[in-house]
Amino acid sequence: MPANSGRKRRSDTPPPRTGSSEAEVLRGFLDYLRASIAAKVDGAPEPQVRTAAVPSGTNLLGLLDHLTSVERALFLGDDVTDWQATFEAASTDSVAEVVAHYRETVERANEVLDGCADLAAPLPRPRPGRPAPSVRWALTHMIEETGRHAGHADILRELIDGTTGR
């Protein structure tokens, strides 16, 4: 595709301005990345949003479905037995439904985090027999996981319809 031919450019959103506490910085950057990847998937055309554009089979909608599962496992205590399966959204779910489910999960995860005053304390979650990581570790991991997949989503969305930016 020739340079700028058919490309849609979203304006980039600068990194968040957060409060000065460690918790405010971590949560600010996590929410920034969450919003970025949801926006990348929102409005992506079918069936390309489900089509693998790379040999690994990764697709845009599957990335968001996977991040929903990670959020649910980490913050809400869901037990995931097959992580690879989380990279495929159900064929009956529309793009809008997958995006809405992700945003609802993020909202529920934030409700859990709202009750966490001590970053060194274990994350409260109902997973009997499995030690919970610290809130700090969980936030840092979710920033890493979401940032990694947001980068993948940037490339996949551009391959689908030329859309770039956050």
N, C-alpha and C. Protein backbone atom coordinates (compact mmCIF):
# COMPACT_ATOMS: atom_id res chain seq x y z
N MET A 1 0.85 -1.17 0.00
CA MET A 1 0.00 0.00 0.00
C MET A 1 0.90 1.24 0.00
N PRO A 2 0.68 2.18 -0.90
CA PRO A 2 1.48 3.40 -0.93
C PRO A 2 1.32 4.19 0.37
N ALA A 3 2.32 4.99 0.69
CA ALA A 3 2.30 5.78 1.91
C ALA A 3 1.03 6.61 1.99
N ASN A 4 0.36 6.53 3.12
CA ASN A 4 -0.85 7.28 3.44
C ASN A 4 -2.05 6.95 2.57
N SER A 5 -1.96 5.95 1.71
CA SER A 5 -3.08 5.58 0.87
C SER A 5 -4.11 4.81 1.68
N GLY A 6 -5.28 5.38 1.86
CA GLY A 6 -6.36 4.70 2.57
C GLY A 6 -6.15 4.60 4.07
N ARG A 7 -5.18 5.28 4.62
CA ARG A 7 -4.91 5.19 6.05
C ARG A 7 -5.81 6.14 6.82
N LYS A 8 -6.25 5.65 7.96
CA LYS A 8 -7.03 6.48 8.87
C LYS A 8 -6.14 6.74 10.08
N ARG A 9 -5.98 7.94 10.44
CA ARG A 9 -5.10 8.30 11.54
C ARG A 9 -5.91 8.81 12.72
N ARG A 10 -5.81 8.10 13.82
CA ARG A 10 -6.38 8.60 15.07
C ARG A 10 -5.35 9.52 15.68
N SER A 11 -5.79 10.50 16.43
CA SER A 11 -4.81 11.35 17.10
C SER A 11 -4.21 10.56 18.26
N ASP A 12 -2.93 10.75 18.47
CA ASP A 12 -2.27 10.08 19.58
C ASP A 12 -2.64 10.76 20.89
N THR A 13 -2.82 9.95 21.88
CA THR A 13 -3.11 10.45 23.22
C THR A 13 -1.80 10.39 24.00
N PRO A 14 -1.39 11.50 24.58
CA PRO A 14 -0.12 11.47 25.32
C PRO A 14 -0.25 10.62 26.58
N PRO A 15 0.89 10.20 27.15
CA PRO A 15 0.83 9.45 28.41
C PRO A 15 0.05 10.23 29.46
N PRO A 16 -0.56 9.51 30.38
CA PRO A 16 -1.43 10.17 31.35
C PRO A 16 -0.66 11.04 32.34
N ARG A 17 -1.30 12.09 32.74
CA ARG A 17 -0.81 12.90 33.86
C ARG A 17 -1.51 12.35 35.08
N THR A 18 -0.74 11.79 35.99
CA THR A 18 -1.33 11.15 37.16
C THR A 18 -0.91 11.89 38.41
N GLY A 19 -1.45 11.45 39.52
CA GLY A 19 -0.99 11.95 40.80
C GLY A 19 0.43 11.47 41.04
N SER A 20 0.98 11.83 42.16
CA SER A 20 2.39 11.51 42.40
C SER A 20 2.61 10.21 43.16
N SER A 21 1.56 9.61 43.69
CA SER A 21 1.76 8.36 44.44
C SER A 21 2.02 7.21 43.48
N GLU A 22 2.69 6.19 43.98
CA GLU A 22 2.99 5.02 43.15
C GLU A 22 1.70 4.39 42.63
N ALA A 23 0.71 4.27 43.47
CA ALA A 23 -0.56 3.66 43.05
C ALA A 23 -1.22 4.47 41.94
N GLU A 24 -1.21 5.79 42.06
CA GLU A 24 -1.82 6.64 41.04
C GLU A 24 -1.08 6.52 39.70
N VAL A 25 0.23 6.43 39.74
CA VAL A 25 1.01 6.29 38.52
C VAL A 25 0.73 4.93 37.86
N LEU A 26 0.79 3.86 38.65
CA LEU A 26 0.56 2.52 38.10
C LEU A 26 -0.85 2.40 37.52
N ARG A 27 -1.84 2.82 38.27
CA ARG A 27 -3.21 2.72 37.79
C ARG A 27 -3.46 3.64 36.61
N GLY A 28 -2.85 4.81 36.61
CA GLY A 28 -3.01 5.73 35.49
C GLY A 28 -2.48 5.15 34.19
N PHE A 29 -1.29 4.55 34.25
CA PHE A 29 -0.72 3.96 33.04
C PHE A 29 -1.49 2.71 32.61
N LEU A 30 -1.96 1.92 33.57
CA LEU A 30 -2.75 0.75 33.20
C LEU A 30 -4.04 1.17 32.51
N ASP A 31 -4.73 2.13 33.06
CA ASP A 31 -5.97 2.59 32.43
C ASP A 31 -5.73 3.20 31.05
N TYR A 32 -4.61 3.88 30.90
CA TYR A 32 -4.22 4.45 29.61
C TYR A 32 -4.05 3.35 28.56
N LEU A 33 -3.35 2.29 28.93
CA LEU A 33 -3.15 1.17 28.00
C LEU A 33 -4.44 0.42 27.74
N ARG A 34 -5.26 0.25 28.76
CA ARG A 34 -6.56 -0.41 28.58
C ARG A 34 -7.40 0.35 27.57
N ALA A 35 -7.46 1.66 27.72
CA ALA A 35 -8.25 2.47 26.79
C ALA A 35 -7.68 2.41 25.38
N SER A 36 -6.35 2.36 25.28
CA SER A 36 -5.70 2.31 23.97
C SER A 36 -6.07 1.04 23.21
N ILE A 37 -6.00 -0.11 23.88
CA ILE A 37 -6.27 -1.35 23.16
C ILE A 37 -7.76 -1.50 22.86
N ALA A 38 -8.62 -1.05 23.75
CA ALA A 38 -10.06 -1.11 23.47
C ALA A 38 -10.39 -0.25 22.25
N ALA A 39 -9.79 0.92 22.16
CA ALA A 39 -10.02 1.81 21.02
C ALA A 39 -9.49 1.20 19.72
N LYS A 40 -8.39 0.47 19.82
CA LYS A 40 -7.78 -0.17 18.64
C LYS A 40 -8.71 -1.22 18.06
N VAL A 41 -9.44 -1.92 18.92
CA VAL A 41 -10.32 -3.01 18.47
C VAL A 41 -11.70 -2.47 18.11
N ASP A 42 -12.18 -1.49 18.84
CA ASP A 42 -13.52 -0.94 18.64
C ASP A 42 -13.68 -0.47 17.19
N GLY A 43 -14.71 -0.97 16.52
CA GLY A 43 -14.99 -0.56 15.16
C GLY A 43 -14.19 -1.26 14.09
N ALA A 44 -13.35 -2.21 14.47
CA ALA A 44 -12.58 -2.95 13.45
C ALA A 44 -13.54 -3.81 12.64
N PRO A 45 -13.31 -3.91 11.34
CA PRO A 45 -14.26 -4.62 10.47
C PRO A 45 -14.18 -6.14 10.58
N GLU A 46 -15.35 -6.75 10.43
CA GLU A 46 -15.45 -8.21 10.31
C GLU A 46 -15.21 -8.56 8.85
N PRO A 47 -14.70 -9.67 8.50
CA PRO A 47 -14.14 -10.72 9.34
C PRO A 47 -12.66 -10.50 9.64
N GLN A 48 -12.08 -9.39 9.13
CA GLN A 48 -10.64 -9.17 9.29
C GLN A 48 -10.23 -9.11 10.77
N VAL A 49 -11.10 -8.63 11.63
CA VAL A 49 -10.78 -8.52 13.05
C VAL A 49 -10.50 -9.89 13.68
N ARG A 50 -11.00 -10.95 13.03
CA ARG A 50 -10.79 -12.33 13.51
C ARG A 50 -9.74 -13.09 12.70
N THR A 51 -9.27 -12.48 11.63
CA THR A 51 -8.37 -13.16 10.72
C THR A 51 -6.93 -12.98 11.17
N ALA A 52 -6.20 -14.09 11.21
CA ALA A 52 -4.79 -14.03 11.58
C ALA A 52 -4.00 -13.36 10.47
N ALA A 53 -3.22 -12.36 10.85
CA ALA A 53 -2.39 -11.65 9.88
C ALA A 53 -0.93 -12.02 10.02
N VAL A 54 -0.65 -12.91 10.96
CA VAL A 54 0.73 -13.35 11.22
C VAL A 54 0.72 -14.87 11.38
N PRO A 55 1.85 -15.52 11.13
CA PRO A 55 1.90 -16.99 11.19
C PRO A 55 1.49 -17.60 12.54
N SER A 56 1.63 -16.86 13.64
CA SER A 56 1.27 -17.40 14.95
C SER A 56 -0.24 -17.58 15.11
N GLY A 57 -1.02 -16.97 14.22
CA GLY A 57 -2.47 -17.06 14.32
C GLY A 57 -3.10 -15.94 15.11
N THR A 58 -2.30 -15.01 15.59
CA THR A 58 -2.82 -13.91 16.40
C THR A 58 -3.76 -13.04 15.57
N ASN A 59 -4.90 -12.69 16.17
CA ASN A 59 -5.85 -11.79 15.51
C ASN A 59 -6.27 -10.72 16.50
N LEU A 60 -6.76 -9.62 15.99
CA LEU A 60 -7.06 -8.44 16.80
C LEU A 60 -8.12 -8.72 17.87
N LEU A 61 -9.21 -9.36 17.49
CA LEU A 61 -10.28 -9.61 18.46
C LEU A 61 -9.81 -10.61 19.52
N GLY A 62 -9.01 -11.58 19.12
CA GLY A 62 -8.49 -12.56 20.06
C GLY A 62 -7.59 -11.93 21.11
N LEU A 63 -6.82 -10.91 20.73
CA LEU A 63 -5.98 -10.22 21.70
C LEU A 63 -6.81 -9.60 22.82
N LEU A 64 -7.92 -8.97 22.44
CA LEU A 64 -8.75 -8.33 23.46
C LEU A 64 -9.46 -9.38 24.31
N ASP A 65 -9.87 -10.46 23.70
CA ASP A 65 -10.49 -11.54 24.46
C ASP A 65 -9.49 -12.12 25.47
N HIS A 66 -8.25 -12.28 25.04
CA HIS A 66 -7.20 -12.78 25.93
C HIS A 66 -6.99 -11.82 27.10
N LEU A 67 -6.89 -10.53 26.82
CA LEU A 67 -6.68 -9.56 27.91
C LEU A 67 -7.85 -9.55 28.88
N THR A 68 -9.05 -9.79 28.38
CA THR A 68 -10.21 -9.90 29.28
C THR A 68 -10.00 -11.07 30.23
N SER A 69 -9.53 -12.19 29.71
CA SER A 69 -9.28 -13.37 30.55
C SER A 69 -8.17 -13.11 31.57
N VAL A 70 -7.12 -12.41 31.16
CA VAL A 70 -6.03 -12.11 32.10
C VAL A 70 -6.54 -11.22 33.22
N GLU A 71 -7.29 -10.17 32.88
CA GLU A 71 -7.87 -9.29 33.89
C GLU A 71 -8.76 -10.08 34.86
N ARG A 72 -9.59 -10.94 34.31
CA ARG A 72 -10.51 -11.73 35.14
C ARG A 72 -9.74 -12.69 36.04
N ALA A 73 -8.70 -13.32 35.53
CA ALA A 73 -7.92 -14.26 36.35
C ALA A 73 -7.16 -13.52 37.44
N LEU A 74 -6.51 -12.44 37.09
CA LEU A 74 -5.66 -11.74 38.03
C LEU A 74 -6.45 -10.99 39.10
N PHE A 75 -7.45 -10.24 38.70
CA PHE A 75 -8.15 -9.38 39.64
C PHE A 75 -9.46 -9.95 40.18
N LEU A 76 -10.09 -10.85 39.42
CA LEU A 76 -11.40 -11.36 39.83
C LEU A 76 -11.37 -12.81 40.26
N GLY A 77 -10.22 -13.46 40.12
CA GLY A 77 -10.06 -14.82 40.62
C GLY A 77 -10.50 -15.93 39.70
N ASP A 78 -10.80 -15.63 38.43
CA ASP A 78 -11.20 -16.70 37.50
C ASP A 78 -10.05 -17.69 37.33
N ASP A 79 -10.40 -18.94 37.14
CA ASP A 79 -9.41 -19.98 36.89
C ASP A 79 -9.37 -20.26 35.39
N VAL A 80 -8.24 -20.05 34.77
CA VAL A 80 -8.08 -20.30 33.34
C VAL A 80 -7.27 -21.58 33.19
N THR A 81 -7.83 -22.55 32.50
CA THR A 81 -7.13 -23.83 32.32
C THR A 81 -6.44 -23.94 30.97
N ASP A 82 -6.84 -23.12 30.00
CA ASP A 82 -6.24 -23.17 28.67
C ASP A 82 -6.01 -21.74 28.18
N TRP A 83 -4.83 -21.21 28.46
CA TRP A 83 -4.54 -19.83 28.07
C TRP A 83 -4.56 -19.64 26.57
N GLN A 84 -4.12 -20.63 25.82
CA GLN A 84 -4.12 -20.49 24.36
C GLN A 84 -5.52 -20.28 23.82
N ALA A 85 -6.50 -20.93 24.44
CA ALA A 85 -7.89 -20.79 24.00
C ALA A 85 -8.43 -19.38 24.22
N THR A 86 -7.83 -18.63 25.11
CA THR A 86 -8.32 -17.27 25.38
C THR A 86 -8.01 -16.31 24.25
N PHE A 87 -7.18 -16.73 23.30
CA PHE A 87 -6.84 -15.87 22.17
C PHE A 87 -7.86 -15.94 21.03
N GLU A 88 -8.95 -16.66 21.22
CA GLU A 88 -9.99 -16.77 20.19
C GLU A 88 -11.32 -16.33 20.77
N ALA A 89 -11.87 -15.24 20.28
CA ALA A 89 -13.19 -14.79 20.71
C ALA A 89 -14.24 -15.73 20.12
N ALA A 90 -15.33 -15.89 20.84
CA ALA A 90 -16.42 -16.74 20.34
C ALA A 90 -16.94 -16.18 19.01
N SER A 91 -17.22 -17.08 18.09
CA SER A 91 -17.68 -16.65 16.76
C SER A 91 -19.03 -15.95 16.82
N THR A 92 -19.79 -16.16 17.88
CA THR A 92 -21.10 -15.53 18.02
C THR A 92 -21.02 -14.14 18.63
N ASP A 93 -19.86 -13.76 19.15
CA ASP A 93 -19.69 -12.44 19.77
C ASP A 93 -19.26 -11.42 18.73
N SER A 94 -19.96 -10.31 18.69
CA SER A 94 -19.60 -9.23 17.78
C SER A 94 -18.41 -8.46 18.35
N VAL A 95 -17.81 -7.64 17.51
CA VAL A 95 -16.72 -6.78 17.96
C VAL A 95 -17.20 -5.91 19.12
N ALA A 96 -18.37 -5.31 18.97
CA ALA A 96 -18.91 -4.45 20.02
C ALA A 96 -19.11 -5.22 21.32
N GLU A 97 -19.55 -6.45 21.24
CA GLU A 97 -19.76 -7.26 22.46
C GLU A 97 -18.44 -7.59 23.15
N VAL A 98 -17.42 -7.94 22.37
CA VAL A 98 -16.11 -8.26 22.96
C VAL A 98 -15.52 -7.01 23.62
N VAL A 99 -15.63 -5.87 22.95
CA VAL A 99 -15.13 -4.62 23.53
C VAL A 99 -15.90 -4.28 24.80
N ALA A 100 -17.21 -4.41 24.78
CA ALA A 100 -18.03 -4.12 25.97
C ALA A 100 -17.68 -5.06 27.12
N HIS A 101 -17.48 -6.33 26.83
CA HIS A 101 -17.12 -7.30 27.87
C HIS A 101 -15.77 -6.93 28.48
N TYR A 102 -14.83 -6.53 27.66
CA TYR A 102 -13.52 -6.09 28.16
C TYR A 102 -13.70 -4.88 29.08
N ARG A 103 -14.44 -3.89 28.63
CA ARG A 103 -14.62 -2.68 29.43
C ARG A 103 -15.36 -2.97 30.74
N GLU A 104 -16.32 -3.88 30.71
CA GLU A 104 -17.01 -4.27 31.95
C GLU A 104 -16.05 -4.99 32.91
N THR A 105 -15.20 -5.83 32.37
CA THR A 105 -14.21 -6.54 33.18
C THR A 105 -13.24 -5.55 33.80
N VAL A 106 -12.77 -4.59 33.03
CA VAL A 106 -11.87 -3.56 33.54
C VAL A 106 -12.56 -2.79 34.67
N GLU A 107 -13.82 -2.47 34.50
CA GLU A 107 -14.56 -1.74 35.53
C GLU A 107 -14.62 -2.57 36.82
N ARG A 108 -14.89 -3.85 36.70
CA ARG A 108 -14.94 -4.73 37.88
C ARG A 108 -13.56 -4.87 38.51
N ALA A 109 -12.53 -4.98 37.70
CA ALA A 109 -11.16 -5.06 38.22
C ALA A 109 -10.80 -3.77 38.97
N ASN A 110 -11.20 -2.63 38.43
CA ASN A 110 -10.93 -1.36 39.10
C ASN A 110 -11.68 -1.25 40.43
N GLU A 111 -12.86 -1.84 40.50
CA GLU A 111 -13.58 -1.85 41.79
C GLU A 111 -12.78 -2.62 42.83
N VAL A 112 -12.18 -3.74 42.43
CA VAL A 112 -11.33 -4.50 43.34
C VAL A 112 -10.13 -3.63 43.75
N LEU A 113 -9.48 -3.02 42.78
CA LEU A 113 -8.31 -2.20 43.06
C LEU A 113 -8.64 -0.99 43.93
N ASP A 114 -9.84 -0.46 43.80
CA ASP A 114 -10.25 0.68 44.63
C ASP A 114 -10.19 0.34 46.12
N GLY A 115 -10.35 -0.94 46.44
CA GLY A 115 -10.30 -1.37 47.84
C GLY A 115 -8.92 -1.75 48.31
N CYS A 116 -7.91 -1.55 47.48
CA CYS A 116 -6.54 -1.95 47.82
C CYS A 116 -5.71 -0.72 48.17
N ALA A 117 -5.53 -0.46 49.45
CA ALA A 117 -4.79 0.72 49.88
C ALA A 117 -3.29 0.47 49.96
N ASP A 118 -2.87 -0.79 50.13
CA ASP A 118 -1.47 -1.13 50.34
C ASP A 118 -0.95 -1.92 49.14
N LEU A 119 -0.04 -1.34 48.38
CA LEU A 119 0.50 -2.02 47.20
C LEU A 119 1.27 -3.29 47.54
N ALA A 120 1.76 -3.39 48.76
CA ALA A 120 2.53 -4.58 49.17
C ALA A 120 1.63 -5.71 49.64
N ALA A 121 0.37 -5.42 49.88
CA ALA A 121 -0.57 -6.44 50.38
C ALA A 121 -0.94 -7.40 49.25
N PRO A 122 -1.33 -8.61 49.62
CA PRO A 122 -1.79 -9.54 48.57
C PRO A 122 -3.08 -9.03 47.94
N LEU A 123 -3.22 -9.29 46.68
CA LEU A 123 -4.42 -8.93 45.95
C LEU A 123 -5.59 -9.76 46.48
N PRO A 124 -6.70 -9.12 46.83
CA PRO A 124 -7.84 -9.91 47.32
C PRO A 124 -8.56 -10.57 46.15
N ARG A 125 -8.65 -11.89 46.19
CA ARG A 125 -9.37 -12.58 45.13
C ARG A 125 -9.71 -13.98 45.61
N PRO A 126 -10.81 -14.50 45.12
CA PRO A 126 -11.27 -15.81 45.57
C PRO A 126 -10.64 -16.98 44.81
N ARG A 127 -9.39 -17.30 45.10
CA ARG A 127 -8.73 -18.44 44.46
C ARG A 127 -8.13 -19.32 45.56
N PRO A 128 -8.94 -20.16 46.15
CA PRO A 128 -8.46 -21.00 47.25
C PRO A 128 -7.26 -21.85 46.83
N GLY A 129 -6.29 -21.95 47.73
CA GLY A 129 -5.14 -22.78 47.48
C GLY A 129 -4.07 -22.16 46.61
N ARG A 130 -4.28 -20.96 46.15
CA ARG A 130 -3.28 -20.29 45.30
C ARG A 130 -2.96 -18.94 45.94
N PRO A 131 -1.71 -18.72 46.25
CA PRO A 131 -1.35 -17.43 46.86
C PRO A 131 -1.55 -16.29 45.87
N ALA A 132 -2.06 -15.20 46.37
CA ALA A 132 -2.29 -14.03 45.52
C ALA A 132 -1.01 -13.19 45.48
N PRO A 133 -0.70 -12.62 44.32
CA PRO A 133 0.46 -11.73 44.24
C PRO A 133 0.14 -10.41 44.94
N SER A 134 1.17 -9.62 45.16
CA SER A 134 0.93 -8.30 45.73
C SER A 134 0.18 -7.44 44.71
N VAL A 135 -0.48 -6.42 45.22
CA VAL A 135 -1.18 -5.48 44.35
C VAL A 135 -0.17 -4.83 43.40
N ARG A 136 1.00 -4.48 43.90
CA ARG A 136 2.05 -3.86 43.07
C ARG A 136 2.44 -4.78 41.91
N TRP A 137 2.69 -6.06 42.23
CA TRP A 137 3.07 -7.02 41.19
C TRP A 137 1.95 -7.15 40.16
N ALA A 138 0.71 -7.26 40.64
CA ALA A 138 -0.43 -7.43 39.73
C ALA A 138 -0.56 -6.23 38.80
N LEU A 139 -0.44 -5.03 39.32
CA LEU A 139 -0.54 -3.84 38.47
C LEU A 139 0.61 -3.79 37.46
N THR A 140 1.81 -4.09 37.91
CA THR A 140 2.96 -4.07 37.02
C THR A 140 2.82 -5.12 35.92
N HIS A 141 2.38 -6.31 36.30
CA HIS A 141 2.18 -7.36 35.30
C HIS A 141 1.10 -6.97 34.30
N MET A 142 0.01 -6.39 34.77
CA MET A 142 -1.07 -6.02 33.85
C MET A 142 -0.63 -4.91 32.92
N ILE A 143 0.21 -3.98 33.39
CA ILE A 143 0.76 -2.94 32.52
C ILE A 143 1.61 -3.59 31.43
N GLU A 144 2.47 -4.52 31.83
CA GLU A 144 3.34 -5.22 30.86
C GLU A 144 2.51 -6.01 29.86
N GLU A 145 1.55 -6.77 30.35
CA GLU A 145 0.73 -7.63 29.48
C GLU A 145 -0.11 -6.78 28.52
N THR A 146 -0.73 -5.75 29.03
CA THR A 146 -1.58 -4.90 28.19
C THR A 146 -0.74 -4.10 27.20
N GLY A 147 0.39 -3.59 27.65
CA GLY A 147 1.27 -2.84 26.75
C GLY A 147 1.81 -3.70 25.62
N ARG A 148 2.19 -4.91 25.96
CA ARG A 148 2.71 -5.84 24.94
C ARG A 148 1.66 -6.09 23.87
N HIS A 149 0.44 -6.41 24.32
CA HIS A 149 -0.61 -6.73 23.36
C HIS A 149 -1.17 -5.49 22.66
N ALA A 150 -1.08 -4.34 23.30
CA ALA A 150 -1.48 -3.10 22.62
C ALA A 150 -0.55 -2.83 21.44
N GLY A 151 0.72 -3.14 21.60
CA GLY A 151 1.66 -3.01 20.48
C GLY A 151 1.32 -3.95 19.34
N HIS A 152 0.97 -5.19 19.70
CA HIS A 152 0.54 -6.13 18.67
C HIS A 152 -0.71 -5.59 17.96
N ALA A 153 -1.64 -5.08 18.76
CA ALA A 153 -2.90 -4.57 18.20
C ALA A 153 -2.66 -3.39 17.26
N ASP A 154 -1.68 -2.54 17.57
CA ASP A 154 -1.34 -1.42 16.68
C ASP A 154 -1.01 -1.94 15.29
N ILE A 155 -0.17 -2.95 15.25
CA ILE A 155 0.27 -3.49 13.96
C ILE A 155 -0.88 -4.20 13.25
N LEU A 156 -1.63 -5.03 13.98
CA LEU A 156 -2.72 -5.78 13.36
C LEU A 156 -3.79 -4.84 12.81
N ARG A 157 -4.14 -3.79 13.53
CA ARG A 157 -5.16 -2.87 13.05
C ARG A 157 -4.69 -2.14 11.80
N GLU A 158 -3.43 -1.74 11.78
CA GLU A 158 -2.91 -1.08 10.59
C GLU A 158 -2.94 -2.02 9.38
N LEU A 159 -2.64 -3.30 9.60
CA LEU A 159 -2.70 -4.28 8.51
C LEU A 159 -4.13 -4.48 8.01
N ILE A 160 -5.11 -4.37 8.91
CA ILE A 160 -6.50 -4.60 8.55
C ILE A 160 -7.04 -3.47 7.67
N ASP A 161 -6.93 -2.23 8.15
CA ASP A 161 -7.58 -1.14 7.41
C ASP A 161 -6.77 0.15 7.37
N GLY A 162 -5.50 0.06 7.78
CA GLY A 162 -4.64 1.24 7.69
C GLY A 162 -4.76 2.20 8.87
N THR A 163 -5.62 1.89 9.83
CA THR A 163 -5.81 2.79 10.97
C THR A 163 -4.58 2.77 11.85
N THR A 164 -4.08 3.97 12.18
CA THR A 164 -2.94 4.10 13.07
C THR A 164 -3.27 5.09 14.17
N GLY A 165 -2.39 5.19 15.13
CA GLY A 165 -2.59 6.10 16.26
C GLY A 165 -3.38 5.44 17.37
N ARG A 166 -3.48 6.14 18.48
CA ARG A 166 -4.20 5.58 19.64
C ARG A 166 -5.65 5.97 19.59
